């Protein structure tokens, strides 16, 4: 993932493992993601860059999409609770 403006690299997060996974340690990864998000917001983006780019194209669960407001059931157009109180 790269953010470029006027030909200048502003922020980056290489994902060399299948284009979706970083070999960085969690703390380094967190810093890179935060830098991407902060830079994207400074350019006027309202969504968190990493969440948007990683979840919108994901087709493993075609009827569910992770959004800034929660997990959305696309077919029902309703949000799905992320915490289950009890399993029956």
Protein backbone atom coordinates (compact mmCIF):
# COMPACT_ATOMS: atom_id res chain seq x y z
CA UNK A 1 0.00 0.00 0.00
CA UNK A 2 1.38 3.37 -0.99
CA UNK A 3 0.15 6.94 -0.74
CA UNK A 4 1.60 9.25 -3.36
CA UNK A 5 0.87 12.90 -4.08
CA UNK A 6 2.39 14.83 -6.97
CA UNK A 7 4.84 12.00 -7.56
CA UNK A 8 6.12 12.06 -3.97
CA UNK A 9 5.80 8.99 -1.73
CA UNK A 10 4.07 10.09 1.49
CA UNK A 11 3.51 6.76 3.26
CA UNK A 12 3.88 3.09 2.49
CA UNK A 13 3.22 -0.37 3.83
CA UNK A 14 4.67 -3.12 1.64
CA UNK A 15 2.68 -6.36 1.83
CA UNK A 16 5.08 -8.83 0.19
CA UNK A 17 3.34 -12.05 1.25
CA UNK A 18 0.54 -12.64 -1.28
CA UNK A 19 -0.05 -8.90 -1.37
CA UNK A 20 -2.02 -9.00 1.88
CA UNK A 21 0.44 -9.92 4.65
CA UNK A 22 3.36 -8.02 6.16
CA UNK A 23 6.31 -9.74 7.82
CA UNK A 24 6.71 -6.78 10.21
CA UNK A 25 6.37 -7.21 13.96
CA UNK A 26 2.98 -6.13 15.31
CA UNK A 27 4.26 -2.87 16.82
CA UNK A 28 5.95 -1.86 13.55
CA UNK A 29 2.86 -2.82 11.59
CA UNK A 30 0.66 -0.75 13.89
CA UNK A 31 2.88 2.30 13.34
CA UNK A 32 2.86 1.87 9.55
CA UNK A 33 -0.93 1.48 9.46
CA UNK A 34 -1.37 4.56 11.67
CA UNK A 35 0.96 6.53 9.39
CA UNK A 36 -1.06 5.43 6.35
CA UNK A 37 -4.33 6.39 8.01
CA UNK A 38 -3.05 9.76 9.24
CA UNK A 39 -1.60 10.61 5.84
CA UNK A 40 -4.78 9.54 4.03
CA UNK A 41 -6.90 11.65 6.38
CA UNK A 42 -4.61 14.65 5.83
CA UNK A 43 -5.35 14.25 2.11
CA UNK A 44 -9.11 14.30 2.79
CA UNK A 45 -9.93 10.59 3.04
CA UNK A 46 -12.65 9.96 5.62
CA UNK A 47 -12.30 6.16 5.85
CA UNK A 48 -9.42 4.35 7.50
CA UNK A 49 -7.21 3.42 4.55
CA UNK A 50 -6.12 -0.01 5.74
CA UNK A 51 -9.62 -1.17 6.67
CA UNK A 52 -11.06 0.09 3.41
CA UNK A 53 -8.41 -1.47 1.18
CA UNK A 54 -8.32 -4.81 2.98
CA UNK A 55 -12.05 -5.44 3.38
CA UNK A 56 -13.93 -4.00 0.40
CA UNK A 57 -12.44 -6.38 -2.18
CA UNK A 58 -12.56 -9.43 0.13
CA UNK A 59 -14.85 -12.07 -1.39
CA UNK A 60 -14.42 -14.86 1.17
CA UNK A 61 -17.68 -13.84 2.82
CA UNK A 62 -19.62 -12.21 -0.03
CA UNK A 63 -22.66 -11.32 2.07
CA UNK A 64 -20.68 -9.69 4.92
CA UNK A 65 -18.63 -6.49 4.78
CA UNK A 66 -16.63 -4.90 7.56
CA UNK A 67 -17.35 -1.17 7.63
CA UNK A 68 -16.40 1.73 9.87
CA UNK A 69 -19.76 1.29 11.64
CA UNK A 70 -19.48 -2.47 12.14
CA UNK A 71 -20.09 -5.77 10.35
CA UNK A 72 -22.79 -5.36 7.70
CA UNK A 73 -24.99 -8.16 6.37
CA UNK A 74 -25.21 -6.97 2.77
CA UNK A 75 -28.28 -9.06 1.90
CA UNK A 76 -30.35 -7.88 4.88
CA UNK A 77 -28.79 -4.38 4.99
CA UNK A 78 -28.45 -4.79 8.77
CA UNK A 79 -25.47 -4.70 11.09
CA UNK A 80 -24.42 -7.98 12.70
CA UNK A 81 -23.45 -7.95 16.39
CA UNK A 82 -19.78 -8.74 16.91
CA UNK A 83 -20.27 -10.09 20.43
CA UNK A 84 -22.43 -13.15 21.05
CA UNK A 85 -24.00 -13.27 24.51
CA UNK A 86 -24.80 -16.97 24.38
CA UNK A 87 -24.73 -19.82 21.94
CA UNK A 88 -27.81 -21.97 21.72
